[in-house]
Amino acid sequence: MIPYPDLELTMEQQFKLRQFADAAEHAPRDVLIKVCSELQRQNFMLNNTVLNLVKNWDHEADTKRASTD
């Protein structure tokens, strides 16, 4: 069984988000545009990686394993 996604942030993750938000308030517009662009690029790469993992998952082995359990 595939686990549900964990949508809760850790205390450290919340702290880092707050640090970023505080720094963004004083950052120049061109820096914010660059950061957002790079974050979107990383998001696309992560999405492509997850999709590739799911697409190439060995479903047949999982089916055989589940039927023998």
Protein backbone atom coordinates (compact mmCIF):
# COMPACT_ATOMS: atom_id res chain seq x y z
CA MET A 1 0.00 0.00 0.00
CA ILE A 2 1.28 3.43 -0.91
CA PRO A 3 1.43 5.78 2.10
CA TYR A 4 -0.48 9.04 2.07
CA PRO A 5 1.56 12.16 1.37
CA ASP A 6 2.94 13.89 4.42
CA LEU A 7 1.72 17.47 4.11
CA GLU A 8 2.82 18.67 7.54
CA LEU A 9 5.94 20.79 7.80
CA THR A 10 8.54 20.17 10.45
CA MET A 11 9.46 22.92 12.90
CA GLU A 12 12.74 23.42 11.00
CA GLN A 13 10.90 23.72 7.67
CA GLN A 14 8.51 26.28 9.14
CA PHE A 15 11.49 28.22 10.50
CA LYS A 16 13.23 28.22 7.10
CA LEU A 17 10.04 29.41 5.40
CA ARG A 18 9.79 32.26 7.91
CA GLN A 19 13.44 33.18 7.32
CA PHE A 20 12.81 33.26 3.59
CA ALA A 21 9.64 35.35 3.97
CA ASP A 22 11.46 37.85 6.20
CA ALA A 23 14.39 38.11 3.78
CA ALA A 24 12.05 38.45 0.78
CA GLU A 25 10.47 41.56 2.28
CA HIS A 26 13.77 43.42 1.89
CA ALA A 27 15.09 41.79 -1.30
CA PRO A 28 15.26 43.65 -4.59
CA ARG A 29 12.63 42.74 -7.20
CA ASP A 30 15.16 41.22 -9.64
CA VAL A 31 16.49 38.90 -6.92
CA LEU A 32 12.96 37.74 -6.08
CA ILE A 33 12.27 37.03 -9.75
CA LYS A 34 15.47 34.99 -9.99
CA VAL A 35 14.65 33.02 -6.81
CA CYS A 36 11.09 32.29 -7.95
CA SER A 37 12.32 31.19 -11.36
CA GLU A 38 14.89 28.83 -9.84
CA LEU A 39 12.33 27.42 -7.38
CA GLN A 40 9.92 26.75 -10.23
CA ARG A 41 12.71 25.05 -12.20
CA GLN A 42 13.52 22.78 -9.23
CA ASN A 43 9.83 22.03 -8.81
CA PHE A 44 9.59 20.94 -12.45
CA MET A 45 12.69 18.73 -12.09
CA LEU A 46 11.29 17.12 -8.94
CA ASN A 47 7.96 16.54 -10.67
CA ASN A 48 9.71 14.94 -13.66
CA THR A 49 11.75 12.72 -11.34
CA VAL A 50 8.69 11.50 -9.41
CA LEU A 51 6.76 10.86 -12.62
CA ASN A 52 9.72 8.91 -14.03
CA LEU A 53 9.95 6.81 -10.86
CA VAL A 54 6.23 6.00 -10.95
CA LYS A 55 6.28 5.26 -14.68
CA ASN A 56 9.23 2.88 -14.32
CA TRP A 57 8.02 1.25 -11.10
CA ASP A 58 8.17 -2.51 -11.26
CA HIS A 59 4.40 -3.05 -11.02
CA GLU A 60 4.64 -6.72 -11.99
CA ALA A 61 6.95 -7.54 -9.08
CA ASP A 62 4.62 -5.71 -6.70
CA THR A 63 1.62 -7.67 -8.01
CA LYS A 64 3.42 -10.99 -7.56
CA ARG A 65 4.58 -10.04 -4.08
CA ALA A 66 1.08 -8.95 -3.04
CA SER A 67 -0.48 -12.19 -4.30
CA THR A 68 1.97 -14.34 -2.30
CA ASP A 69 1.38 -12.46 0.96
